[in-house]
Amino acid sequence: MTIYAVVNSKGGVGKTTIAVHLATLVAQTSRTLLIDGDPQGSAASWAAWRRDYLPDAPSPTTTCLHEKAILNEGRPLAKGFDHAVVDAGGRDTAGLRSALLLAQRAIIPVGASQLDAAALTDILTLVDMARDYNPDLKVRVLLNRIDPRTRDTTDMVSFLTEQKLAALKTMIIERVAYRRSVGDGSTVGEYGKDKAASAEMQSLFEEVSDSWQ
């Protein structure tokens, strides 16, 4: 069993989009729990739309847990599933810290800006603290919602390399299809109107499903 956490102390980086896509792709082959740990409840809203629009599609079982309950209740709940994905809130809270303590693998979505680079320091500090109690935690940075044609993206890649931060090879481009698909309770693959977006998310799924060795 693997528990994934999608985390960042900075908001607006697309955590929920990544979390619901990952959870749905995993759910196609195994029993999957999606924990909505964000007080805004965006993942839970997506799950409700999915039940309405795609009732027969493979779906993760979704529950809302906040603050320390993400760890205290999430751990026994996850034992009933093959995999779990946690969508953590976008601030340094007990919920975010609990997600890092619960997970074996953490994905940190970041944009390509100086603000995103600065925020990485905060979340990586929390990761280091979590590893004192969860030494098996593995972390990867994901460039998300980017425009690869800009210098900003090139600069962020260079920054990650200079800081020796492990980054996923897959990059997720800013695309309308992601917003529209999530609003329908679907994935971009199910939405079916952007082959490039579908390929990106499939690539991400395959990459995070490996051993991360």
N, C-alpha and C. Protein backbone atom coordinates (compact mmCIF):
# COMPACT_ATOMS: atom_id res chain seq x y z
N MET A 1 0.84 -1.20 0.00
CA MET A 1 0.00 0.00 0.00
C MET A 1 0.87 1.25 0.00
N THR A 2 0.47 2.23 -0.77
CA THR A 2 1.19 3.50 -0.82
C THR A 2 0.22 4.63 -0.52
N ILE A 3 0.65 5.53 0.35
CA ILE A 3 -0.12 6.74 0.64
C ILE A 3 0.62 7.93 0.05
N TYR A 4 -0.06 8.64 -0.83
CA TYR A 4 0.49 9.84 -1.45
C TYR A 4 -0.11 11.08 -0.78
N ALA A 5 0.69 12.12 -0.64
CA ALA A 5 0.17 13.41 -0.18
C ALA A 5 0.56 14.47 -1.19
N VAL A 6 -0.39 15.29 -1.60
CA VAL A 6 -0.13 16.40 -2.50
C VAL A 6 -0.15 17.66 -1.65
N VAL A 7 1.01 18.29 -1.50
CA VAL A 7 1.17 19.32 -0.47
C VAL A 7 1.93 20.54 -0.98
N ASN A 8 1.62 21.66 -0.39
CA ASN A 8 2.40 22.88 -0.52
C ASN A 8 1.82 23.87 0.47
N SER A 9 2.67 24.65 1.11
CA SER A 9 2.17 25.67 2.03
C SER A 9 1.69 26.90 1.28
N LYS A 10 1.88 26.94 -0.03
CA LYS A 10 1.41 28.02 -0.87
C LYS A 10 0.14 27.58 -1.59
N GLY A 11 -0.86 28.43 -1.62
CA GLY A 11 -2.09 28.12 -2.32
C GLY A 11 -1.99 28.43 -3.81
N GLY A 12 -2.98 27.96 -4.57
CA GLY A 12 -3.05 28.30 -5.98
C GLY A 12 -2.09 27.58 -6.89
N VAL A 13 -1.55 26.43 -6.42
CA VAL A 13 -0.57 25.71 -7.24
C VAL A 13 -1.17 24.47 -7.90
N GLY A 14 -2.48 24.25 -7.73
CA GLY A 14 -3.15 23.15 -8.41
C GLY A 14 -3.08 21.82 -7.69
N LYS A 15 -3.02 21.85 -6.37
CA LYS A 15 -2.92 20.60 -5.60
C LYS A 15 -4.13 19.70 -5.82
N THR A 16 -5.32 20.27 -5.77
CA THR A 16 -6.53 19.44 -5.87
C THR A 16 -6.62 18.78 -7.24
N THR A 17 -6.30 19.49 -8.30
CA THR A 17 -6.34 18.91 -9.64
C THR A 17 -5.41 17.70 -9.72
N ILE A 18 -4.21 17.83 -9.17
CA ILE A 18 -3.27 16.71 -9.18
C ILE A 18 -3.80 15.57 -8.32
N ALA A 19 -4.31 15.88 -7.15
CA ALA A 19 -4.77 14.85 -6.21
C ALA A 19 -5.92 14.04 -6.80
N VAL A 20 -6.92 14.71 -7.37
CA VAL A 20 -8.08 13.96 -7.86
C VAL A 20 -7.73 13.15 -9.11
N HIS A 21 -6.84 13.67 -9.94
CA HIS A 21 -6.41 12.89 -11.11
C HIS A 21 -5.63 11.66 -10.67
N LEU A 22 -4.70 11.85 -9.76
CA LEU A 22 -3.90 10.71 -9.30
C LEU A 22 -4.79 9.66 -8.65
N ALA A 23 -5.70 10.10 -7.78
CA ALA A 23 -6.58 9.16 -7.08
C ALA A 23 -7.47 8.39 -8.06
N THR A 24 -7.97 9.07 -9.09
CA THR A 24 -8.85 8.42 -10.06
C THR A 24 -8.09 7.42 -10.91
N LEU A 25 -6.88 7.77 -11.33
CA LEU A 25 -6.09 6.85 -12.13
C LEU A 25 -5.70 5.61 -11.33
N VAL A 26 -5.37 5.80 -10.06
CA VAL A 26 -5.06 4.65 -9.21
C VAL A 26 -6.30 3.79 -9.01
N ALA A 27 -7.45 4.45 -8.86
CA ALA A 27 -8.71 3.73 -8.61
C ALA A 27 -9.14 2.86 -9.78
N GLN A 28 -8.57 3.07 -10.95
CA GLN A 28 -8.92 2.24 -12.10
C GLN A 28 -8.44 0.80 -11.94
N THR A 29 -7.46 0.60 -11.07
CA THR A 29 -6.91 -0.75 -10.90
C THR A 29 -6.92 -1.25 -9.46
N SER A 30 -7.21 -0.37 -8.50
CA SER A 30 -7.15 -0.82 -7.10
C SER A 30 -8.05 0.06 -6.23
N ARG A 31 -8.38 -0.48 -5.06
CA ARG A 31 -9.23 0.27 -4.13
C ARG A 31 -8.45 1.47 -3.59
N THR A 32 -9.03 2.65 -3.77
CA THR A 32 -8.30 3.88 -3.47
C THR A 32 -9.13 4.80 -2.60
N LEU A 33 -8.47 5.36 -1.59
CA LEU A 33 -9.08 6.34 -0.70
C LEU A 33 -8.54 7.72 -1.04
N LEU A 34 -9.42 8.69 -1.21
CA LEU A 34 -9.05 10.09 -1.40
C LEU A 34 -9.44 10.85 -0.15
N ILE A 35 -8.46 11.42 0.53
CA ILE A 35 -8.72 12.21 1.74
C ILE A 35 -8.65 13.68 1.38
N ASP A 36 -9.77 14.37 1.53
CA ASP A 36 -9.81 15.81 1.33
C ASP A 36 -9.43 16.46 2.66
N GLY A 37 -8.21 16.95 2.74
CA GLY A 37 -7.73 17.56 3.97
C GLY A 37 -7.73 19.07 3.94
N ASP A 38 -8.33 19.65 2.91
CA ASP A 38 -8.39 21.10 2.76
C ASP A 38 -9.75 21.60 3.25
N PRO A 39 -9.79 22.54 4.19
CA PRO A 39 -11.08 23.05 4.68
C PRO A 39 -11.98 23.59 3.58
N GLN A 40 -11.42 23.98 2.43
CA GLN A 40 -12.25 24.46 1.34
C GLN A 40 -13.07 23.34 0.71
N GLY A 41 -12.64 22.10 0.89
CA GLY A 41 -13.42 20.96 0.43
C GLY A 41 -13.53 20.80 -1.07
N SER A 42 -12.53 21.25 -1.81
CA SER A 42 -12.61 21.19 -3.27
C SER A 42 -12.62 19.76 -3.80
N ALA A 43 -11.82 18.89 -3.21
CA ALA A 43 -11.80 17.49 -3.67
C ALA A 43 -13.13 16.81 -3.39
N ALA A 44 -13.74 17.12 -2.25
CA ALA A 44 -15.05 16.55 -1.93
C ALA A 44 -16.11 17.05 -2.90
N SER A 45 -16.02 18.32 -3.29
CA SER A 45 -16.96 18.84 -4.29
C SER A 45 -16.80 18.12 -5.61
N TRP A 46 -15.55 17.91 -6.02
CA TRP A 46 -15.29 17.17 -7.25
C TRP A 46 -15.90 15.77 -7.17
N ALA A 47 -15.73 15.10 -6.03
CA ALA A 47 -16.27 13.74 -5.87
C ALA A 47 -17.79 13.73 -5.99
N ALA A 48 -18.44 14.77 -5.47
CA ALA A 48 -19.90 14.86 -5.58
C ALA A 48 -20.33 15.05 -7.03
N TRP A 49 -19.60 15.90 -7.76
CA TRP A 49 -19.92 16.09 -9.18
C TRP A 49 -19.70 14.79 -9.95
N ARG A 50 -18.67 14.06 -9.57
CA ARG A 50 -18.38 12.80 -10.27
C ARG A 50 -19.51 11.79 -10.06
N ARG A 51 -20.03 11.73 -8.85
CA ARG A 51 -21.15 10.82 -8.59
C ARG A 51 -22.36 11.20 -9.43
N ASP A 52 -22.55 12.50 -9.65
CA ASP A 52 -23.70 12.96 -10.44
C ASP A 52 -23.52 12.69 -11.93
N TYR A 53 -22.33 13.02 -12.45
CA TYR A 53 -22.12 12.99 -13.90
C TYR A 53 -21.54 11.67 -14.41
N LEU A 54 -20.78 10.96 -13.56
CA LEU A 54 -20.11 9.73 -14.00
C LEU A 54 -20.30 8.64 -12.94
N PRO A 55 -21.55 8.28 -12.66
CA PRO A 55 -21.80 7.36 -11.55
C PRO A 55 -21.21 5.96 -11.75
N ASP A 56 -20.94 5.57 -12.98
CA ASP A 56 -20.44 4.23 -13.24
C ASP A 56 -18.92 4.18 -13.47
N ALA A 57 -18.28 5.34 -13.41
CA ALA A 57 -16.84 5.38 -13.66
C ALA A 57 -16.06 4.94 -12.42
N PRO A 58 -14.88 4.34 -12.61
CA PRO A 58 -14.04 4.00 -11.45
C PRO A 58 -13.71 5.27 -10.66
N SER A 59 -13.90 5.20 -9.36
CA SER A 59 -13.73 6.39 -8.53
C SER A 59 -13.11 6.03 -7.19
N PRO A 60 -12.33 6.95 -6.63
CA PRO A 60 -11.84 6.73 -5.27
C PRO A 60 -12.97 6.95 -4.26
N THR A 61 -12.88 6.27 -3.15
CA THR A 61 -13.77 6.58 -2.02
C THR A 61 -13.24 7.84 -1.36
N THR A 62 -14.10 8.84 -1.22
CA THR A 62 -13.65 10.15 -0.76
C THR A 62 -14.19 10.47 0.63
N THR A 63 -13.30 10.99 1.48
CA THR A 63 -13.72 11.40 2.82
C THR A 63 -13.03 12.71 3.17
N CYS A 64 -13.63 13.47 4.06
CA CYS A 64 -13.05 14.73 4.52
C CYS A 64 -12.49 14.55 5.92
N LEU A 65 -11.22 14.85 6.08
CA LEU A 65 -10.56 14.83 7.39
C LEU A 65 -9.74 16.11 7.51
N HIS A 66 -9.78 16.72 8.68
CA HIS A 66 -9.07 17.96 8.86
C HIS A 66 -8.11 17.89 10.04
N GLU A 67 -7.10 18.73 9.96
CA GLU A 67 -6.11 18.88 11.03
C GLU A 67 -5.52 17.52 11.42
N LYS A 68 -5.40 17.24 12.71
CA LYS A 68 -4.74 16.01 13.16
C LYS A 68 -5.51 14.74 12.80
N ALA A 69 -6.79 14.90 12.46
CA ALA A 69 -7.58 13.73 12.07
C ALA A 69 -7.05 13.10 10.78
N ILE A 70 -6.34 13.88 9.97
CA ILE A 70 -5.76 13.33 8.75
C ILE A 70 -4.83 12.18 9.10
N LEU A 71 -4.07 12.34 10.17
CA LEU A 71 -3.18 11.27 10.62
C LEU A 71 -3.90 10.27 11.52
N ASN A 72 -4.59 10.78 12.53
CA ASN A 72 -5.17 9.89 13.55
C ASN A 72 -6.29 9.01 13.00
N GLU A 73 -7.13 9.56 12.12
CA GLU A 73 -8.21 8.78 11.52
C GLU A 73 -7.83 8.25 10.14
N GLY A 74 -6.96 8.99 9.45
CA GLY A 74 -6.57 8.58 8.12
C GLY A 74 -5.79 7.28 8.10
N ARG A 75 -4.95 7.09 9.10
CA ARG A 75 -4.13 5.87 9.13
C ARG A 75 -4.98 4.60 9.22
N PRO A 76 -5.92 4.49 10.18
CA PRO A 76 -6.73 3.27 10.21
C PRO A 76 -7.67 3.15 9.01
N LEU A 77 -8.19 4.28 8.51
CA LEU A 77 -9.06 4.23 7.35
C LEU A 77 -8.32 3.69 6.12
N ALA A 78 -7.09 4.14 5.94
CA ALA A 78 -6.32 3.75 4.76
C ALA A 78 -6.02 2.26 4.72
N LYS A 79 -6.03 1.61 5.87
CA LYS A 79 -5.73 0.18 5.91
C LYS A 79 -6.78 -0.66 5.17
N GLY A 80 -7.94 -0.09 4.95
CA GLY A 80 -8.98 -0.81 4.21
C GLY A 80 -8.87 -0.64 2.70
N PHE A 81 -7.79 0.02 2.23
CA PHE A 81 -7.63 0.31 0.80
C PHE A 81 -6.26 -0.13 0.33
N ASP A 82 -6.11 -0.22 -0.97
CA ASP A 82 -4.82 -0.56 -1.56
C ASP A 82 -3.90 0.66 -1.62
N HIS A 83 -4.51 1.83 -1.83
CA HIS A 83 -3.75 3.08 -1.92
C HIS A 83 -4.58 4.22 -1.36
N ALA A 84 -3.91 5.31 -1.03
CA ALA A 84 -4.62 6.50 -0.56
C ALA A 84 -3.91 7.75 -1.08
N VAL A 85 -4.69 8.79 -1.31
CA VAL A 85 -4.17 10.08 -1.76
C VAL A 85 -4.74 11.15 -0.84
N VAL A 86 -3.87 12.03 -0.33
CA VAL A 86 -4.30 13.11 0.54
C VAL A 86 -4.14 14.44 -0.19
N ASP A 87 -5.22 15.20 -0.26
CA ASP A 87 -5.17 16.58 -0.79
C ASP A 87 -5.10 17.50 0.42
N ALA A 88 -3.90 17.99 0.73
CA ALA A 88 -3.70 18.80 1.93
C ALA A 88 -3.98 20.28 1.63
N GLY A 89 -4.32 21.02 2.68
CA GLY A 89 -4.60 22.44 2.55
C GLY A 89 -3.36 23.24 2.20
N GLY A 90 -3.57 24.49 1.78
CA GLY A 90 -2.48 25.31 1.27
C GLY A 90 -1.84 26.24 2.26
N ARG A 91 -1.75 25.86 3.51
CA ARG A 91 -1.06 26.67 4.51
C ARG A 91 -0.34 25.73 5.47
N ASP A 92 0.58 26.30 6.27
CA ASP A 92 1.25 25.50 7.29
C ASP A 92 0.27 25.29 8.44
N THR A 93 -0.39 24.15 8.42
CA THR A 93 -1.39 23.83 9.43
C THR A 93 -1.10 22.44 10.00
N ALA A 94 -1.83 22.09 11.04
CA ALA A 94 -1.71 20.73 11.59
C ALA A 94 -2.11 19.71 10.54
N GLY A 95 -3.03 20.09 9.64
CA GLY A 95 -3.45 19.18 8.60
C GLY A 95 -2.34 18.88 7.62
N LEU A 96 -1.62 19.90 7.17
CA LEU A 96 -0.52 19.69 6.24
C LEU A 96 0.56 18.84 6.90
N ARG A 97 0.89 19.15 8.13
CA ARG A 97 1.92 18.39 8.85
C ARG A 97 1.47 16.95 9.06
N SER A 98 0.19 16.76 9.32
CA SER A 98 -0.33 15.40 9.50
C SER A 98 -0.24 14.61 8.21
N ALA A 99 -0.50 15.28 7.08
CA ALA A 99 -0.40 14.61 5.78
C ALA A 99 1.02 14.12 5.53
N LEU A 100 2.01 14.92 5.90
CA LEU A 100 3.40 14.53 5.71
C LEU A 100 3.80 13.39 6.64
N LEU A 101 3.17 13.31 7.78
CA LEU A 101 3.45 12.20 8.69
C LEU A 101 2.78 10.91 8.24
N LEU A 102 1.66 11.04 7.54
CA LEU A 102 0.90 9.87 7.10
C LEU A 102 1.48 9.24 5.84
N ALA A 103 1.99 10.07 4.94
CA ALA A 103 2.34 9.62 3.59
C ALA A 103 3.70 8.94 3.51
N GLN A 104 3.83 8.09 2.49
CA GLN A 104 5.16 7.58 2.11
C GLN A 104 5.76 8.41 0.97
N ARG A 105 4.88 9.02 0.17
CA ARG A 105 5.35 9.81 -0.96
C ARG A 105 4.60 11.14 -0.99
N ALA A 106 5.36 12.22 -1.07
CA ALA A 106 4.76 13.55 -1.13
C ALA A 106 5.10 14.20 -2.47
N ILE A 107 4.09 14.78 -3.09
CA ILE A 107 4.25 15.52 -4.33
C ILE A 107 4.03 16.99 -4.02
N ILE A 108 4.98 17.83 -4.39
CA ILE A 108 4.88 19.27 -4.13
C ILE A 108 4.69 19.98 -5.46
N PRO A 109 3.46 20.34 -5.83
CA PRO A 109 3.26 21.10 -7.06
C PRO A 109 3.74 22.54 -6.86
N VAL A 110 4.46 23.05 -7.86
CA VAL A 110 4.92 24.43 -7.81
C VAL A 110 4.74 25.07 -9.18
N GLY A 111 4.49 26.35 -9.19
CA GLY A 111 4.48 27.10 -10.44
C GLY A 111 5.88 27.54 -10.80
N ALA A 112 5.98 28.35 -11.83
CA ALA A 112 7.29 28.82 -12.28
C ALA A 112 7.40 30.32 -12.01
N SER A 113 7.59 30.67 -10.75
CA SER A 113 7.72 32.08 -10.38
C SER A 113 8.64 32.20 -9.16
N GLN A 114 9.10 33.39 -8.91
CA GLN A 114 9.95 33.63 -7.74
C GLN A 114 9.18 33.37 -6.45
N LEU A 115 7.88 33.64 -6.46
CA LEU A 115 7.07 33.38 -5.27
C LEU A 115 7.01 31.88 -4.98
N ASP A 116 6.89 31.09 -6.04
CA ASP A 116 6.87 29.64 -5.86
C ASP A 116 8.22 29.14 -5.34
N ALA A 117 9.29 29.69 -5.87
CA ALA A 117 10.63 29.30 -5.41
C ALA A 117 10.81 29.65 -3.93
N ALA A 118 10.35 30.83 -3.53
CA ALA A 118 10.47 31.24 -2.14
C ALA A 118 9.65 30.34 -1.23
N ALA A 119 8.44 29.95 -1.69
CA ALA A 119 7.57 29.11 -0.86
C ALA A 119 8.13 27.72 -0.68
N LEU A 120 8.97 27.26 -1.61
CA LEU A 120 9.55 25.93 -1.48
C LEU A 120 10.37 25.80 -0.20
N THR A 121 11.01 26.89 0.21
CA THR A 121 11.79 26.85 1.45
C THR A 121 10.93 26.46 2.63
N ASP A 122 9.73 27.03 2.69
CA ASP A 122 8.83 26.75 3.81
C ASP A 122 8.37 25.30 3.83
N ILE A 123 7.91 24.79 2.69
CA ILE A 123 7.40 23.43 2.67
C ILE A 123 8.52 22.41 2.88
N LEU A 124 9.71 22.68 2.35
CA LEU A 124 10.82 21.75 2.55
C LEU A 124 11.29 21.72 4.00
N THR A 125 11.13 22.84 4.70
CA THR A 125 11.41 22.84 6.13
C THR A 125 10.46 21.92 6.87
N LEU A 126 9.18 21.96 6.48
CA LEU A 126 8.19 21.07 7.07
C LEU A 126 8.47 19.61 6.73
N VAL A 127 8.94 19.38 5.51
CA VAL A 127 9.30 18.01 5.11
C VAL A 127 10.43 17.48 5.98
N ASP A 128 11.44 18.31 6.20
CA ASP A 128 12.56 17.89 7.05
C ASP A 128 12.10 17.56 8.46
N MET A 129 11.19 18.36 8.99
CA MET A 129 10.66 18.10 10.32
C MET A 129 9.87 16.79 10.33
N ALA A 130 9.07 16.56 9.28
CA ALA A 130 8.26 15.33 9.21
C ALA A 130 9.15 14.10 9.15
N ARG A 131 10.28 14.20 8.48
CA ARG A 131 11.16 13.05 8.34
C ARG A 131 11.79 12.60 9.66
N ASP A 132 11.79 13.48 10.65
CA ASP A 132 12.26 13.06 11.98
C ASP A 132 11.37 11.96 12.54
N TYR A 133 10.09 11.97 12.15
CA TYR A 133 9.12 10.99 12.65
C TYR A 133 8.67 10.02 11.55
N ASN A 134 8.92 10.39 10.31
CA ASN A 134 8.51 9.59 9.16
C ASN A 134 9.70 9.48 8.21
N PRO A 135 10.73 8.74 8.59
CA PRO A 135 11.97 8.72 7.81
C PRO A 135 11.84 8.11 6.42
N ASP A 136 10.75 7.39 6.17
CA ASP A 136 10.55 6.76 4.86
C ASP A 136 9.90 7.70 3.84
N LEU A 137 9.58 8.92 4.25
CA LEU A 137 8.91 9.86 3.36
C LEU A 137 9.81 10.24 2.18
N LYS A 138 9.30 10.06 0.97
CA LYS A 138 10.00 10.45 -0.24
C LYS A 138 9.26 11.62 -0.88
N VAL A 139 10.01 12.58 -1.40
CA VAL A 139 9.42 13.82 -1.88
C VAL A 139 9.88 14.13 -3.30
N ARG A 140 8.95 14.57 -4.13
CA ARG A 140 9.27 15.04 -5.47
C ARG A 140 8.54 16.35 -5.74
N VAL A 141 9.23 17.26 -6.40
CA VAL A 141 8.63 18.53 -6.82
C VAL A 141 8.02 18.33 -8.22
N LEU A 142 6.84 18.89 -8.42
CA LEU A 142 6.15 18.82 -9.71
C LEU A 142 5.92 20.22 -10.26
N LEU A 143 6.49 20.51 -11.41
CA LEU A 143 6.20 21.78 -12.07
C LEU A 143 4.80 21.69 -12.66
N ASN A 144 3.92 22.57 -12.20
CA ASN A 144 2.49 22.47 -12.50
C ASN A 144 1.95 23.82 -12.93
N ARG A 145 0.99 23.79 -13.84
CA ARG A 145 0.32 24.99 -14.33
C ARG A 145 1.33 25.96 -14.92
N ILE A 146 2.22 25.45 -15.76
CA ILE A 146 3.30 26.28 -16.28
C ILE A 146 3.11 26.57 -17.77
N ASP A 147 3.84 27.56 -18.24
CA ASP A 147 3.96 27.85 -19.66
C ASP A 147 5.42 27.55 -20.03
N PRO A 148 5.68 26.42 -20.70
CA PRO A 148 7.06 26.02 -20.96
C PRO A 148 7.80 26.94 -21.92
N ARG A 149 7.08 27.84 -22.58
CA ARG A 149 7.71 28.73 -23.54
C ARG A 149 8.40 29.91 -22.86
N THR A 150 8.14 30.12 -21.58
CA THR A 150 8.65 31.30 -20.91
C THR A 150 10.00 31.05 -20.25
N ARG A 151 10.71 32.12 -20.00
CA ARG A 151 11.98 32.05 -19.28
C ARG A 151 11.74 31.62 -17.83
N ASP A 152 10.55 31.95 -17.30
CA ASP A 152 10.25 31.60 -15.91
C ASP A 152 10.39 30.09 -15.68
N THR A 153 9.88 29.31 -16.61
CA THR A 153 9.97 27.86 -16.46
C THR A 153 11.42 27.39 -16.51
N THR A 154 12.18 27.93 -17.44
CA THR A 154 13.60 27.58 -17.54
C THR A 154 14.34 27.95 -16.26
N ASP A 155 14.03 29.12 -15.72
CA ASP A 155 14.68 29.57 -14.48
C ASP A 155 14.31 28.66 -13.30
N MET A 156 13.05 28.21 -13.24
CA MET A 156 12.65 27.33 -12.14
C MET A 156 13.34 25.98 -12.24
N VAL A 157 13.46 25.45 -13.45
CA VAL A 157 14.19 24.19 -13.63
C VAL A 157 15.63 24.34 -13.16
N SER A 158 16.25 25.45 -13.50
CA SER A 158 17.63 25.70 -13.08
C SER A 158 17.72 25.83 -11.57
N PHE A 159 16.73 26.49 -10.97
CA PHE A 159 16.71 26.66 -9.52
C PHE A 159 16.61 25.30 -8.82
N LEU A 160 15.74 24.44 -9.30
CA LEU A 160 15.57 23.12 -8.69
C LEU A 160 16.86 22.31 -8.81
N THR A 161 17.52 22.43 -9.96
CA THR A 161 18.78 21.72 -10.17
C THR A 161 19.86 22.24 -9.23
N GLU A 162 19.96 23.57 -9.12
CA GLU A 162 20.96 24.18 -8.25
C GLU A 162 20.76 23.81 -6.79
N GLN A 163 19.49 23.71 -6.39
CA GLN A 163 19.17 23.38 -5.01
C GLN A 163 19.18 21.87 -4.75
N LYS A 164 19.47 21.11 -5.80
CA LYS A 164 19.52 19.65 -5.72
C LYS A 164 18.20 19.07 -5.20
N LEU A 165 17.11 19.65 -5.73
CA LEU A 165 15.78 19.19 -5.36
C LEU A 165 15.30 18.17 -6.38
N ALA A 166 14.82 17.05 -5.91
CA ALA A 166 14.35 15.99 -6.80
C ALA A 166 13.03 16.41 -7.43
N ALA A 167 13.04 16.53 -8.74
CA ALA A 167 11.84 16.95 -9.46
C ALA A 167 11.38 15.84 -10.39
N LEU A 168 10.07 15.74 -10.55
CA LEU A 168 9.51 14.80 -11.52
C LEU A 168 9.82 15.28 -12.93
N LYS A 169 10.06 14.35 -13.83
CA LYS A 169 10.34 14.71 -15.21
C LYS A 169 9.11 15.27 -15.90
N THR A 170 7.94 14.76 -15.51
CA THR A 170 6.69 15.24 -16.11
C THR A 170 6.40 16.67 -15.65
N MET A 171 6.01 17.51 -16.60
CA MET A 171 5.55 18.86 -16.29
C MET A 171 4.11 18.99 -16.74
N ILE A 172 3.30 19.65 -15.92
CA ILE A 172 1.89 19.86 -16.25
C ILE A 172 1.70 21.29 -16.74
N ILE A 173 1.24 21.41 -17.97
CA ILE A 173 1.07 22.72 -18.60
C ILE A 173 -0.27 23.34 -18.19
N GLU A 174 -0.32 24.63 -18.13
CA GLU A 174 -1.58 25.33 -17.86
C GLU A 174 -2.51 25.14 -19.06
N ARG A 175 -3.61 24.44 -18.84
CA ARG A 175 -4.54 24.14 -19.92
C ARG A 175 -5.97 24.29 -19.44
N VAL A 176 -6.84 24.79 -20.30
CA VAL A 176 -8.25 24.96 -19.99
C VAL A 176 -8.89 23.61 -19.66
N ALA A 177 -8.42 22.56 -20.31
CA ALA A 177 -9.03 21.24 -20.14
C ALA A 177 -9.01 20.78 -18.69
N TYR A 178 -8.00 21.14 -17.93
CA TYR A 178 -7.94 20.72 -16.53
C TYR A 178 -9.07 21.36 -15.72
N ARG A 179 -9.29 22.64 -15.93
CA ARG A 179 -10.36 23.31 -15.19
C ARG A 179 -11.73 22.76 -15.58
N ARG A 180 -11.94 22.55 -16.86
CA ARG A 180 -13.25 22.10 -17.32
C ARG A 180 -13.53 20.66 -16.91
N SER A 181 -12.51 19.82 -16.97
CA SER A 181 -12.73 18.42 -16.61
C SER A 181 -13.04 18.27 -15.13
N VAL A 182 -12.29 18.96 -14.29
CA VAL A 182 -12.53 18.86 -12.84
C VAL A 182 -13.91 19.37 -12.50
N GLY A 183 -14.37 20.41 -13.18
CA GLY A 183 -15.71 20.95 -12.93
C GLY A 183 -16.81 19.99 -13.30
N ASP A 184 -16.49 19.00 -14.14
CA ASP A 184 -17.46 17.97 -14.52
C ASP A 184 -17.30 16.70 -13.68
N GLY A 185 -16.38 16.72 -12.73
CA GLY A 185 -16.12 15.52 -11.94
C GLY A 185 -15.36 14.46 -12.71
N SER A 186 -14.66 14.86 -13.74
CA SER A 186 -13.94 13.90 -14.57
C SER A 186 -12.45 14.19 -14.55
N THR A 187 -11.69 13.35 -15.23
CA THR A 187 -10.28 13.61 -15.48
C THR A 187 -10.15 14.14 -16.90
N VAL A 188 -8.97 14.65 -17.25
CA VAL A 188 -8.80 15.15 -18.61
C VAL A 188 -8.90 14.01 -19.62
N GLY A 189 -8.51 12.81 -19.20
CA GLY A 189 -8.64 11.67 -20.09
C GLY A 189 -10.09 11.37 -20.41
N GLU A 190 -10.94 11.43 -19.38
CA GLU A 190 -12.37 11.19 -19.57
C GLU A 190 -13.03 12.36 -20.32
N TYR A 191 -12.54 13.56 -20.06
CA TYR A 191 -13.04 14.75 -20.75
C TYR A 191 -12.82 14.62 -22.26
N GLY A 192 -11.65 14.12 -22.63
CA GLY A 192 -11.38 13.69 -23.99
C GLY A 192 -11.21 14.76 -25.04
N LYS A 193 -10.98 16.01 -24.64
CA LYS A 193 -10.88 17.07 -25.63
C LYS A 193 -9.48 17.67 -25.73
N ASP A 194 -8.53 17.09 -25.01
CA ASP A 194 -7.16 17.60 -25.05
C ASP A 194 -6.21 16.42 -24.89
N LYS A 195 -5.74 15.89 -26.01
CA LYS A 195 -4.88 14.71 -25.97
C LYS A 195 -3.55 15.00 -25.26
N ALA A 196 -3.05 16.21 -25.40
CA ALA A 196 -1.79 16.56 -24.75
C ALA A 196 -1.95 16.54 -23.23
N ALA A 197 -3.06 17.06 -22.75
CA ALA A 197 -3.31 17.04 -21.31
C ALA A 197 -3.46 15.62 -20.80
N SER A 198 -4.15 14.80 -21.54
CA SER A 198 -4.32 13.39 -21.15
C SER A 198 -2.97 12.69 -21.07
N ALA A 199 -2.10 12.96 -22.05
CA ALA A 199 -0.78 12.34 -22.07
C ALA A 199 0.06 12.80 -20.89
N GLU A 200 -0.04 14.08 -20.55
CA GLU A 200 0.70 14.61 -19.40
C GLU A 200 0.29 13.90 -18.11
N MET A 201 -0.99 13.78 -17.90
CA MET A 201 -1.46 13.21 -16.64
C MET A 201 -1.15 11.71 -16.58
N GLN A 202 -1.21 11.03 -17.71
CA GLN A 202 -0.83 9.62 -17.74
C GLN A 202 0.66 9.46 -17.44
N SER A 203 1.46 10.35 -17.98
CA SER A 203 2.89 10.33 -17.71
C SER A 203 3.17 10.56 -16.22
N LEU A 204 2.45 11.51 -15.63
CA LEU A 204 2.61 11.78 -14.20
C LEU A 204 2.24 10.55 -13.39
N PHE A 205 1.12 9.94 -13.71
CA PHE A 205 0.67 8.75 -13.00
C PHE A 205 1.72 7.64 -13.07
N GLU A 206 2.24 7.40 -14.24
CA GLU A 206 3.23 6.34 -14.40
C GLU A 206 4.51 6.67 -13.62
N GLU A 207 4.89 7.94 -13.62
CA GLU A 207 6.12 8.32 -12.92
C GLU A 207 6.00 8.19 -11.41
N VAL A 208 4.88 8.65 -10.86
CA VAL A 208 4.73 8.58 -9.40
C VAL A 208 4.39 7.19 -8.92
N SER A 209 4.02 6.30 -9.84
CA SER A 209 3.70 4.94 -9.45
C SER A 209 4.93 4.04 -9.37
N ASP A 210 6.08 4.55 -9.82
CA ASP A 210 7.27 3.71 -9.76
C ASP A 210 7.87 3.77 -8.36
N SER A 211 9.04 3.22 -8.18
CA SER A 211 9.63 3.08 -6.84
C SER A 211 10.27 4.36 -6.31
N TRP A 212 10.45 5.35 -7.16
CA TRP A 212 11.11 6.61 -6.78
C TRP A 212 12.51 6.37 -6.24
N GLN A 213 13.12 5.30 -6.64
CA GLN A 213 14.47 5.01 -6.12
C GLN A 213 15.49 5.91 -6.83
